[in-house]
Amino acid sequence: IIDPWGDILACRPEGAGVAMAELDPDRLALVRRCLPALEHRRLDLFSS
């Protein structure tokens, strides 16, 4: 389980078990506010 900044929150290498983490909407909003890359997309410039 990886967060929006690319940090690994949980990992289960092999075998039966669980990788578990909480999804934090505040963390999501903070990343998008500090680095608004989703708002900077310009794919429309390349559309036909």
All heavy atoms as atom14 arrays in JSON, in Angstrom:
{
  "sequence": "IIDPWGDILACRPEGAGVAMAELDPDRLALVRRCLPALEHRRLDLFSS",
  "atom14_mask": [
    [1, 1, 1, 1, 1, 1, 1, 1, 0, 0, 0, 0, 0, 0],
    [1, 1, 1, 1, 1, 1, 1, 1, 0, 0, 0, 0, 0, 0],
    [1, 1, 1, 1, 1, 1, 1, 1, 0, 0, 0, 0, 0, 0],
    [1, 1, 1, 1, 1, 1, 1, 0, 0, 0, 0, 0, 0, 0],
    [1, 1, 1, 1, 1, 1, 1, 1, 1, 1, 1, 1, 1, 1],
    [1, 1, 1, 1, 0, 0, 0, 0, 0, 0, 0, 0, 0, 0],
    [1, 1, 1, 1, 1, 1, 1, 1, 0, 0, 0, 0, 0, 0],
    [1, 1, 1, 1, 1, 1, 1, 1, 0, 0, 0, 0, 0, 0],
    [1, 1, 1, 1, 1, 1, 1, 1, 0, 0, 0, 0, 0, 0],
    [1, 1, 1, 1, 1, 0, 0, 0, 0, 0, 0, 0, 0, 0],
    [1, 1, 1, 1, 1, 1, 0, 0, 0, 0, 0, 0, 0, 0],
    [1, 1, 1, 1, 1, 1, 1, 1, 1, 1, 1, 0, 0, 0],
    [1, 1, 1, 1, 1, 1, 1, 0, 0, 0, 0, 0, 0, 0],
    [1, 1, 1, 1, 1, 1, 1, 1, 1, 0, 0, 0, 0, 0],
    [1, 1, 1, 1, 0, 0, 0, 0, 0, 0, 0, 0, 0, 0],
    [1, 1, 1, 1, 1, 0, 0, 0, 0, 0, 0, 0, 0, 0],
    [1, 1, 1, 1, 0, 0, 0, 0, 0, 0, 0, 0, 0, 0],
    [1, 1, 1, 1, 1, 1, 1, 0, 0, 0, 0, 0, 0, 0],
    [1, 1, 1, 1, 1, 0, 0, 0, 0, 0, 0, 0, 0, 0],
    [1, 1, 1, 1, 1, 1, 1, 1, 0, 0, 0, 0, 0, 0],
    [1, 1, 1, 1, 1, 0, 0, 0, 0, 0, 0, 0, 0, 0],
    [1, 1, 1, 1, 1, 1, 1, 1, 1, 0, 0, 0, 0, 0],
    [1, 1, 1, 1, 1, 1, 1, 1, 0, 0, 0, 0, 0, 0],
    [1, 1, 1, 1, 1, 1, 1, 1, 0, 0, 0, 0, 0, 0],
    [1, 1, 1, 1, 1, 1, 1, 0, 0, 0, 0, 0, 0, 0],
    [1, 1, 1, 1, 1, 1, 1, 1, 0, 0, 0, 0, 0, 0],
    [1, 1, 1, 1, 1, 1, 1, 1, 1, 1, 1, 0, 0, 0],
    [1, 1, 1, 1, 1, 1, 1, 1, 0, 0, 0, 0, 0, 0],
    [1, 1, 1, 1, 1, 0, 0, 0, 0, 0, 0, 0, 0, 0],
    [1, 1, 1, 1, 1, 1, 1, 1, 0, 0, 0, 0, 0, 0],
    [1, 1, 1, 1, 1, 1, 1, 0, 0, 0, 0, 0, 0, 0],
    [1, 1, 1, 1, 1, 1, 1, 1, 1, 1, 1, 0, 0, 0],
    [1, 1, 1, 1, 1, 1, 1, 1, 1, 1, 1, 0, 0, 0],
    [1, 1, 1, 1, 1, 1, 0, 0, 0, 0, 0, 0, 0, 0],
    [1, 1, 1, 1, 1, 1, 1, 1, 0, 0, 0, 0, 0, 0],
    [1, 1, 1, 1, 1, 1, 1, 0, 0, 0, 0, 0, 0, 0],
    [1, 1, 1, 1, 1, 0, 0, 0, 0, 0, 0, 0, 0, 0],
    [1, 1, 1, 1, 1, 1, 1, 1, 0, 0, 0, 0, 0, 0],
    [1, 1, 1, 1, 1, 1, 1, 1, 1, 0, 0, 0, 0, 0],
    [1, 1, 1, 1, 1, 1, 1, 1, 1, 1, 0, 0, 0, 0],
    [1, 1, 1, 1, 1, 1, 1, 1, 1, 1, 1, 0, 0, 0],
    [1, 1, 1, 1, 1, 1, 1, 1, 1, 1, 1, 0, 0, 0],
    [1, 1, 1, 1, 1, 1, 1, 1, 0, 0, 0, 0, 0, 0],
    [1, 1, 1, 1, 1, 1, 1, 1, 0, 0, 0, 0, 0, 0],
    [1, 1, 1, 1, 1, 1, 1, 1, 0, 0, 0, 0, 0, 0],
    [1, 1, 1, 1, 1, 1, 1, 1, 1, 1, 1, 0, 0, 0],
    [1, 1, 1, 1, 1, 1, 0, 0, 0, 0, 0, 0, 0, 0],
    [1, 1, 1, 1, 1, 1, 0, 0, 0, 0, 0, 0, 0, 0]
  ],
  "atom14_positions": [
    [[0.87, -1.16, 0.0], [0.0, 0.0, 0.0], [0.91, 1.22, 0.0], [1.81, 1.33, 0.85], [-0.94, 0.02, 1.21], [-1.79, -1.26, 1.23], [-1.84, 1.25, 1.17], [-2.64, -1.42, 2.47], [0.0, 0.0, 0.0], [0.0, 0.0, 0.0], [0.0, 0.0, 0.0], [0.0, 0.0, 0.0], [0.0, 0.0, 0.0], [0.0, 0.0, 0.0]],
    [[0.68, 2.1, -0.95], [1.56, 3.25, -1.18], [0.74, 4.52, -1.13], [-0.4, 4.55, -1.6], [2.26, 3.11, -2.54], [3.08, 1.82, -2.58], [3.16, 4.31, -2.83], [3.62, 1.46, -3.95], [0.0, 0.0, 0.0], [0.0, 0.0, 0.0], [0.0, 0.0, 0.0], [0.0, 0.0, 0.0], [0.0, 0.0, 0.0], [0.0, 0.0, 0.0]],
    [[1.3, 5.57, -0.54], [0.54, 6.81, -0.42], [0.81, 7.73, -1.61], [1.65, 7.43, -2.47], [0.82, 7.48, 0.94], [2.08, 8.33, 0.96], [2.86, 8.35, -0.01], [2.29, 9.01, 2.0], [0.0, 0.0, 0.0], [0.0, 0.0, 0.0], [0.0, 0.0, 0.0], [0.0, 0.0, 0.0], [0.0, 0.0, 0.0], [0.0, 0.0, 0.0]],
    [[0.11, 8.87, -1.72], [0.22, 9.73, -2.9], [1.6, 10.37, -3.09], [1.88, 10.9, -4.17], [-0.85, 10.81, -2.66], [-1.77, 10.23, -1.66], [-0.96, 9.35, -0.8], [0.0, 0.0, 0.0], [0.0, 0.0, 0.0], [0.0, 0.0, 0.0], [0.0, 0.0, 0.0], [0.0, 0.0, 0.0], [0.0, 0.0, 0.0], [0.0, 0.0, 0.0]],
    [[2.43, 10.35, -2.06], [3.8, 10.89, -2.16], [4.79, 9.81, -2.58], [5.96, 10.07, -2.79], [4.21, 11.52, -0.84], [5.38, 12.42, -0.91], [6.6, 12.24, -0.33], [5.46, 13.69, -1.59], [7.43, 13.3, -0.6], [6.75, 14.21, -1.37], [4.55, 14.43, -2.36], [7.17, 15.43, -1.9], [4.97, 15.65, -2.88], [6.27, 16.13, -2.65]],
    [[4.31, 8.57, -2.67], [5.18, 7.46, -3.05], [5.77, 6.7, -1.88], [6.59, 5.8, -2.08], [0.0, 0.0, 0.0], [0.0, 0.0, 0.0], [0.0, 0.0, 0.0], [0.0, 0.0, 0.0], [0.0, 0.0, 0.0], [0.0, 0.0, 0.0], [0.0, 0.0, 0.0], [0.0, 0.0, 0.0], [0.0, 0.0, 0.0], [0.0, 0.0, 0.0]],
    [[5.35, 7.02, -0.66], [5.84, 6.32, 0.52], [5.12, 4.98, 0.67], [3.89, 4.9, 0.51], [5.63, 7.15, 1.79], [6.5, 8.39, 1.81], [7.59, 8.37, 1.21], [6.08, 9.39, 2.42], [0.0, 0.0, 0.0], [0.0, 0.0, 0.0], [0.0, 0.0, 0.0], [0.0, 0.0, 0.0], [0.0, 0.0, 0.0], [0.0, 0.0, 0.0]],
    [[5.86, 3.94, 0.98], [5.29, 2.61, 1.2], [4.77, 2.53, 2.62], [5.54, 2.62, 3.58], [6.33, 1.51, 0.93], [6.78, 1.57, -0.54], [5.74, 0.13, 1.25], [7.95, 0.66, -0.85], [0.0, 0.0, 0.0], [0.0, 0.0, 0.0], [0.0, 0.0, 0.0], [0.0, 0.0, 0.0], [0.0, 0.0, 0.0], [0.0, 0.0, 0.0]],
    [[3.47, 2.36, 2.78], [2.84, 2.32, 4.1], [2.8, 0.92, 4.68], [2.77, 0.75, 5.9], [1.42, 2.88, 4.01], [1.28, 4.3, 3.46], [-0.2, 4.71, 3.46], [2.11, 5.29, 4.25], [0.0, 0.0, 0.0], [0.0, 0.0, 0.0], [0.0, 0.0, 0.0], [0.0, 0.0, 0.0], [0.0, 0.0, 0.0], [0.0, 0.0, 0.0]],
    [[2.75, -0.08, 3.81], [2.68, -1.47, 4.27], [3.18, -2.37, 3.16], [3.03, -2.07, 1.98], [1.25, -1.85, 4.64], [0.0, 0.0, 0.0], [0.0, 0.0, 0.0], [0.0, 0.0, 0.0], [0.0, 0.0, 0.0], [0.0, 0.0, 0.0], [0.0, 0.0, 0.0], [0.0, 0.0, 0.0], [0.0, 0.0, 0.0], [0.0, 0.0, 0.0]],
    [[3.79, -3.5, 3.56], [4.29, -4.47, 2.59], [4.25, -5.87, 3.19], [4.67, -6.07, 4.33], [5.72, -4.13, 2.16], [6.45, -5.31, 1.0], [0.0, 0.0, 0.0], [0.0, 0.0, 0.0], [0.0, 0.0, 0.0], [0.0, 0.0, 0.0], [0.0, 0.0, 0.0], [0.0, 0.0, 0.0], [0.0, 0.0, 0.0], [0.0, 0.0, 0.0]],
    [[3.75, -6.82, 2.42], [3.78, -8.23, 2.79], [4.59, -8.96, 1.72], [4.09, -9.21, 0.63], [2.36, -8.8, 2.87], [2.31, -10.27, 3.26], [2.59, -10.45, 4.73], [2.62, -11.85, 5.11], [2.76, -12.28, 6.37], [2.85, -11.38, 7.34], [2.8, -13.56, 6.64], [0.0, 0.0, 0.0], [0.0, 0.0, 0.0], [0.0, 0.0, 0.0]],
    [[5.86, -9.28, 2.0], [6.72, -9.85, 0.95], [6.2, -11.16, 0.36], [6.06, -11.28, -0.85], [8.06, -10.05, 1.66], [8.06, -9.05, 2.77], [6.63, -9.01, 3.23], [0.0, 0.0, 0.0], [0.0, 0.0, 0.0], [0.0, 0.0, 0.0], [0.0, 0.0, 0.0], [0.0, 0.0, 0.0], [0.0, 0.0, 0.0], [0.0, 0.0, 0.0]],
    [[5.95, -12.15, 1.21], [5.46, -13.44, 0.74], [4.63, -14.1, 1.83], [4.67, -13.69, 2.98], [6.63, -14.38, 0.37], [7.34, -14.05, -0.91], [8.34, -15.13, -1.31], [8.47, -16.13, -0.57], [8.99, -14.97, -2.36], [0.0, 0.0, 0.0], [0.0, 0.0, 0.0], [0.0, 0.0, 0.0], [0.0, 0.0, 0.0], [0.0, 0.0, 0.0]],
    [[3.9, -15.12, 1.44], [3.16, -15.92, 2.41], [1.82, -15.34, 2.8], [1.52, -14.18, 2.52], [0.0, 0.0, 0.0], [0.0, 0.0, 0.0], [0.0, 0.0, 0.0], [0.0, 0.0, 0.0], [0.0, 0.0, 0.0], [0.0, 0.0, 0.0], [0.0, 0.0, 0.0], [0.0, 0.0, 0.0], [0.0, 0.0, 0.0], [0.0, 0.0, 0.0]],
    [[1.03, -16.18, 3.46], [-0.3, -15.74, 3.89], [-0.18, -14.62, 4.91], [0.7, -14.63, 5.77], [-1.06, -16.93, 4.51], [0.0, 0.0, 0.0], [0.0, 0.0, 0.0], [0.0, 0.0, 0.0], [0.0, 0.0, 0.0], [0.0, 0.0, 0.0], [0.0, 0.0, 0.0], [0.0, 0.0, 0.0], [0.0, 0.0, 0.0], [0.0, 0.0, 0.0]],
    [[-1.03, -13.63, 4.79], [-0.99, -12.51, 5.72], [-1.67, -11.3, 5.13], [-2.33, -11.38, 4.1], [0.0, 0.0, 0.0], [0.0, 0.0, 0.0], [0.0, 0.0, 0.0], [0.0, 0.0, 0.0], [0.0, 0.0, 0.0], [0.0, 0.0, 0.0], [0.0, 0.0, 0.0], [0.0, 0.0, 0.0], [0.0, 0.0, 0.0], [0.0, 0.0, 0.0]],
    [[-1.49, -10.17, 5.79], [-2.2, -8.95, 5.43], [-1.25, -7.77, 5.4], [-0.38, -7.63, 6.27], [-3.33, -8.65, 6.46], [-4.03, -7.34, 6.13], [-4.33, -9.8, 6.48], [0.0, 0.0, 0.0], [0.0, 0.0, 0.0], [0.0, 0.0, 0.0], [0.0, 0.0, 0.0], [0.0, 0.0, 0.0], [0.0, 0.0, 0.0], [0.0, 0.0, 0.0]],
    [[-1.38, -6.93, 4.39], [-0.76, -5.61, 4.38], [-1.89, -4.61, 4.6], [-2.87, -4.61, 3.85], [-0.05, -5.35, 3.06], [0.0, 0.0, 0.0], [0.0, 0.0, 0.0], [0.0, 0.0, 0.0], [0.0, 0.0, 0.0], [0.0, 0.0, 0.0], [0.0, 0.0, 0.0], [0.0, 0.0, 0.0], [0.0, 0.0, 0.0], [0.0, 0.0, 0.0]],
    [[-1.78, -3.78, 5.62], [-2.91, -2.93, 6.01], [-2.45, -1.51, 6.29], [-1.37, -1.29, 6.86], [-3.58, -3.51, 7.26], [-4.82, -2.76, 7.7], [-5.75, -3.67, 8.98], [-4.53, -3.77, 10.3], [0.0, 0.0, 0.0], [0.0, 0.0, 0.0], [0.0, 0.0, 0.0], [0.0, 0.0, 0.0], [0.0, 0.0, 0.0], [0.0, 0.0, 0.0]],
    [[-3.26, -0.54, 5.88], [-2.96, 0.87, 6.14], [-4.25, 1.67, 6.11], [-5.27, 1.21, 5.57], [-1.97, 1.42, 5.11], [0.0, 0.0, 0.0], [0.0, 0.0, 0.0], [0.0, 0.0, 0.0], [0.0, 0.0, 0.0], [0.0, 0.0, 0.0], [0.0, 0.0, 0.0], [0.0, 0.0, 0.0], [0.0, 0.0, 0.0], [0.0, 0.0, 0.0]],
    [[-4.21, 2.85, 6.68], [-5.35, 3.77, 6.64], [-5.16, 4.77, 5.51], [-4.05, 5.27, 5.29], [-5.49, 4.51, 7.96], [-5.9, 3.62, 9.13], [-6.18, 4.42, 10.39], [-6.13, 5.67, 10.33], [-6.44, 3.8, 11.43], [0.0, 0.0, 0.0], [0.0, 0.0, 0.0], [0.0, 0.0, 0.0], [0.0, 0.0, 0.0], [0.0, 0.0, 0.0]],
    [[-6.24, 5.07, 4.81], [-6.22, 6.1, 3.79], [-6.66, 7.41, 4.43], [-7.74, 7.5, 5.0], [-7.16, 5.73, 2.63], [-6.58, 4.8, 1.56], [-6.18, 3.46, 2.15], [-7.58, 4.61, 0.42], [0.0, 0.0, 0.0], [0.0, 0.0, 0.0], [0.0, 0.0, 0.0], [0.0, 0.0, 0.0], [0.0, 0.0, 0.0], [0.0, 0.0, 0.0]],
    [[-5.8, 8.4, 4.33], [-6.03, 9.69, 4.99], [-6.4, 10.74, 3.95], [-5.55, 11.17, 3.16], [-4.75, 10.1, 5.74], [-4.91, 11.39, 6.51], [-5.96, 12.04, 6.39], [-3.96, 11.77, 7.22], [0.0, 0.0, 0.0], [0.0, 0.0, 0.0], [0.0, 0.0, 0.0], [0.0, 0.0, 0.0], [0.0, 0.0, 0.0], [0.0, 0.0, 0.0]],
    [[-7.66, 11.17, 3.9], [-8.06, 12.17, 2.91], [-7.33, 13.51, 3.08], [-7.12, 14.23, 2.1], [-9.57, 12.32, 3.15], [-9.82, 11.79, 4.51], [-8.79, 10.74, 4.76], [0.0, 0.0, 0.0], [0.0, 0.0, 0.0], [0.0, 0.0, 0.0], [0.0, 0.0, 0.0], [0.0, 0.0, 0.0], [0.0, 0.0, 0.0], [0.0, 0.0, 0.0]],
    [[-6.93, 13.83, 4.31], [-6.17, 15.06, 4.53], [-4.79, 14.98, 3.89], [-4.29, 15.96, 3.34], [-6.03, 15.36, 6.03], [-7.37, 15.7, 6.68], [-8.26, 16.2, 5.96], [-7.52, 15.46, 7.89], [0.0, 0.0, 0.0], [0.0, 0.0, 0.0], [0.0, 0.0, 0.0], [0.0, 0.0, 0.0], [0.0, 0.0, 0.0], [0.0, 0.0, 0.0]],
    [[-4.17, 13.81, 3.99], [-2.87, 13.59, 3.35], [-3.01, 13.71, 1.84], [-2.17, 14.33, 1.17], [-2.36, 12.2, 3.74], [-1.11, 11.73, 3.0], [0.12, 12.52, 3.38], [1.33, 11.89, 2.88], [2.5, 12.51, 2.81], [2.62, 13.77, 3.23], [3.57, 11.88, 2.36], [0.0, 0.0, 0.0], [0.0, 0.0, 0.0], [0.0, 0.0, 0.0]],
    [[-4.05, 13.14, 1.3], [-4.31, 13.21, -0.13], [-4.46, 14.66, -0.58], [-3.85, 15.1, -1.56], [-5.58, 12.42, -0.44], [-5.94, 12.16, -1.89], [-4.96, 11.22, -2.54], [-7.36, 11.59, -1.98], [0.0, 0.0, 0.0], [0.0, 0.0, 0.0], [0.0, 0.0, 0.0], [0.0, 0.0, 0.0], [0.0, 0.0, 0.0], [0.0, 0.0, 0.0]],
    [[-5.25, 15.41, 0.16], [-5.49, 16.81, -0.19], [-4.21, 17.64, -0.07], [-3.95, 18.54, -0.89], [-6.58, 17.39, 0.7], [0.0, 0.0, 0.0], [0.0, 0.0, 0.0], [0.0, 0.0, 0.0], [0.0, 0.0, 0.0], [0.0, 0.0, 0.0], [0.0, 0.0, 0.0], [0.0, 0.0, 0.0], [0.0, 0.0, 0.0], [0.0, 0.0, 0.0]],
    [[-3.4, 17.36, 0.95], [-2.16, 18.11, 1.16], [-1.2, 17.92, 0.0], [-0.61, 18.88, -0.51], [-1.5, 17.67, 2.47], [-0.14, 18.31, 2.78], [-0.28, 19.82, 2.96], [0.47, 17.67, 4.03], [0.0, 0.0, 0.0], [0.0, 0.0, 0.0], [0.0, 0.0, 0.0], [0.0, 0.0, 0.0], [0.0, 0.0, 0.0], [0.0, 0.0, 0.0]],
    [[-1.02, 16.67, -0.43], [-0.11, 16.39, -1.53], [-0.57, 17.1, -2.8], [0.23, 17.73, -3.5], [-0.01, 14.87, -1.78], [0.69, 14.57, -3.1], [0.72, 14.19, -0.63], [0.0, 0.0, 0.0], [0.0, 0.0, 0.0], [0.0, 0.0, 0.0], [0.0, 0.0, 0.0], [0.0, 0.0, 0.0], [0.0, 0.0, 0.0], [0.0, 0.0, 0.0]],
    [[-1.85, 17.05, -3.06], [-2.38, 17.68, -4.27], [-2.34, 19.2, -4.2], [-2.21, 19.88, -5.22], [-3.81, 17.19, -4.52], [-3.88, 15.73, -4.9], [-5.3, 15.23, -5.05], [-5.33, 13.85, -5.54], [-6.44, 13.14, -5.72], [-7.63, 13.68, -5.45], [-6.37, 11.9, -6.17], [0.0, 0.0, 0.0], [0.0, 0.0, 0.0], [0.0, 0.0, 0.0]],
    [[-2.44, 19.73, -2.99], [-2.37, 21.18, -2.83], [-0.94, 21.69, -2.95], [-0.68, 22.72, -3.6], [-2.96, 21.57, -1.48], [-3.01, 23.1, -1.24], [-3.82, 23.44, -0.01], [-3.21, 22.93, 1.22], [-3.7, 21.94, 1.95], [-4.82, 21.32, 1.57], [-3.1, 21.55, 3.05], [0.0, 0.0, 0.0], [0.0, 0.0, 0.0], [0.0, 0.0, 0.0]],
    [[0.01, 20.97, -2.35], [1.41, 21.39, -2.39], [2.02, 21.25, -3.78], [2.85, 22.07, -4.2], [2.23, 20.57, -1.39], [1.84, 20.89, 0.33], [0.0, 0.0, 0.0], [0.0, 0.0, 0.0], [0.0, 0.0, 0.0], [0.0, 0.0, 0.0], [0.0, 0.0, 0.0], [0.0, 0.0, 0.0], [0.0, 0.0, 0.0], [0.0, 0.0, 0.0]],
    [[1.61, 20.2, -4.49], [2.13, 19.95, -5.84], [0.96, 19.65, -6.75], [0.6, 18.49, -6.97], [3.11, 18.76, -5.81], [3.75, 18.35, -7.13], [4.59, 19.47, -7.7], [4.59, 17.09, -6.94], [0.0, 0.0, 0.0], [0.0, 0.0, 0.0], [0.0, 0.0, 0.0], [0.0, 0.0, 0.0], [0.0, 0.0, 0.0], [0.0, 0.0, 0.0]],
    [[0.31, 20.69, -7.29], [-0.93, 20.48, -8.04], [-0.72, 19.94, -9.45], [-1.18, 20.5, -10.45], [-1.56, 21.88, -8.05], [-0.39, 22.8, -7.98], [0.64, 22.11, -7.13], [0.0, 0.0, 0.0], [0.0, 0.0, 0.0], [0.0, 0.0, 0.0], [0.0, 0.0, 0.0], [0.0, 0.0, 0.0], [0.0, 0.0, 0.0], [0.0, 0.0, 0.0]],
    [[0.0, 18.82, -9.55], [0.33, 18.26, -10.86], [-0.91, 17.84, -11.64], [-0.94, 17.95, -12.87], [1.27, 17.06, -10.68], [0.0, 0.0, 0.0], [0.0, 0.0, 0.0], [0.0, 0.0, 0.0], [0.0, 0.0, 0.0], [0.0, 0.0, 0.0], [0.0, 0.0, 0.0], [0.0, 0.0, 0.0], [0.0, 0.0, 0.0], [0.0, 0.0, 0.0]],
    [[-1.94, 17.37, -10.94], [-3.15, 16.97, -11.64], [-3.82, 18.14, -12.35], [-4.48, 17.96, -13.38], [-4.14, 16.31, -10.66], [-3.67, 15.01, -10.0], [-4.76, 14.49, -9.06], [-3.31, 13.96, -11.03], [0.0, 0.0, 0.0], [0.0, 0.0, 0.0], [0.0, 0.0, 0.0], [0.0, 0.0, 0.0], [0.0, 0.0, 0.0], [0.0, 0.0, 0.0]],
    [[-3.63, 19.32, -11.78], [-4.21, 20.52, -12.4], [-3.32, 21.06, -13.51], [-3.76, 21.92, -14.3], [-4.41, 21.61, -11.34], [-5.2, 21.16, -10.12], [-6.56, 20.62, -10.48], [-7.18, 21.14, -11.43], [-7.02, 19.67, -9.82], [0.0, 0.0, 0.0], [0.0, 0.0, 0.0], [0.0, 0.0, 0.0], [0.0, 0.0, 0.0], [0.0, 0.0, 0.0]],
    [[-2.09, 20.58, -13.6], [-1.14, 21.09, -14.59], [-1.08, 20.24, -15.85], [-0.26, 20.5, -16.73], [0.27, 21.16, -13.97], [0.38, 22.17, -12.88], [1.41, 22.17, -11.96], [-0.42, 23.22, -12.56], [1.25, 23.18, -11.11], [0.14, 23.82, -11.45], [0.0, 0.0, 0.0], [0.0, 0.0, 0.0], [0.0, 0.0, 0.0], [0.0, 0.0, 0.0]],
    [[-1.91, 19.23, -15.94], [-1.91, 18.38, -17.13], [-2.27, 19.19, -18.37], [-3.14, 20.04, -18.34], [-2.92, 17.24, -16.97], [-2.55, 16.2, -15.93], [-3.66, 15.18, -15.8], [-3.31, 14.1, -14.89], [-4.14, 13.16, -14.49], [-5.39, 13.18, -14.91], [-3.74, 12.2, -13.68], [0.0, 0.0, 0.0], [0.0, 0.0, 0.0], [0.0, 0.0, 0.0]],
    [[-1.59, 18.88, -19.47], [-1.85, 19.57, -20.72], [-2.04, 18.58, -21.87], [-1.66, 18.85, -23.0], [-0.68, 20.53, -21.03], [-0.6, 21.71, -20.09], [-1.81, 22.62, -20.23], [-1.77, 23.76, -19.34], [-2.3, 23.79, -18.14], [-2.94, 22.73, -17.66], [-2.22, 24.86, -17.38], [0.0, 0.0, 0.0], [0.0, 0.0, 0.0], [0.0, 0.0, 0.0]],
    [[-2.63, 17.43, -21.57], [-2.81, 16.42, -22.6], [-3.71, 16.91, -23.73], [-3.63, 16.43, -24.86], [-3.43, 15.14, -21.99], [-2.5, 14.32, -21.09], [-3.24, 13.1, -20.55], [-1.26, 13.87, -21.85], [0.0, 0.0, 0.0], [0.0, 0.0, 0.0], [0.0, 0.0, 0.0], [0.0, 0.0, 0.0], [0.0, 0.0, 0.0], [0.0, 0.0, 0.0]],
    [[-4.57, 17.87, -23.42], [-5.47, 18.39, -24.45], [-4.7, 19.05, -25.58], [-5.18, 19.15, -26.7], [-6.46, 19.38, -23.84], [-5.74, 20.52, -23.12], [-4.88, 20.23, -22.28], [-6.05, 21.69, -23.41], [0.0, 0.0, 0.0], [0.0, 0.0, 0.0], [0.0, 0.0, 0.0], [0.0, 0.0, 0.0], [0.0, 0.0, 0.0], [0.0, 0.0, 0.0]],
    [[-3.45, 19.47, -25.32], [-2.64, 20.09, -26.36], [-2.24, 19.09, -27.45], [-1.92, 19.47, -28.57], [-1.37, 20.69, -25.75], [-1.56, 21.81, -24.73], [-0.22, 22.26, -24.19], [-2.28, 23.0, -25.36], [0.0, 0.0, 0.0], [0.0, 0.0, 0.0], [0.0, 0.0, 0.0], [0.0, 0.0, 0.0], [0.0, 0.0, 0.0], [0.0, 0.0, 0.0]],
    [[-2.28, 17.79, -27.09], [-1.82, 16.78, -28.02], [-2.97, 15.96, -28.62], [-2.74, 15.03, -29.37], [-0.84, 15.83, -27.32], [0.32, 16.55, -26.69], [0.32, 16.88, -25.35], [1.41, 16.93, -27.46], [1.38, 17.55, -24.77], [2.47, 17.59, -26.9], [2.47, 17.91, -25.55], [0.0, 0.0, 0.0], [0.0, 0.0, 0.0], [0.0, 0.0, 0.0]],
    [[-4.18, 16.3, -28.26], [-5.32, 15.55, -28.79], [-5.59, 15.98, -30.22], [-5.36, 17.13, -30.61], [-6.55, 15.78, -27.92], [-6.91, 17.14, -27.9], [0.0, 0.0, 0.0], [0.0, 0.0, 0.0], [0.0, 0.0, 0.0], [0.0, 0.0, 0.0], [0.0, 0.0, 0.0], [0.0, 0.0, 0.0], [0.0, 0.0, 0.0], [0.0, 0.0, 0.0]],
    [[-6.09, 15.04, -30.99], [-6.35, 15.35, -32.4], [-7.73, 15.98, -32.57], [-8.58, 15.88, -31.72], [-6.26, 14.06, -33.22], [-7.16, 13.08, -32.74], [0.0, 0.0, 0.0], [0.0, 0.0, 0.0], [0.0, 0.0, 0.0], [0.0, 0.0, 0.0], [0.0, 0.0, 0.0], [0.0, 0.0, 0.0], [0.0, 0.0, 0.0], [0.0, 0.0, 0.0]]
  ]
}
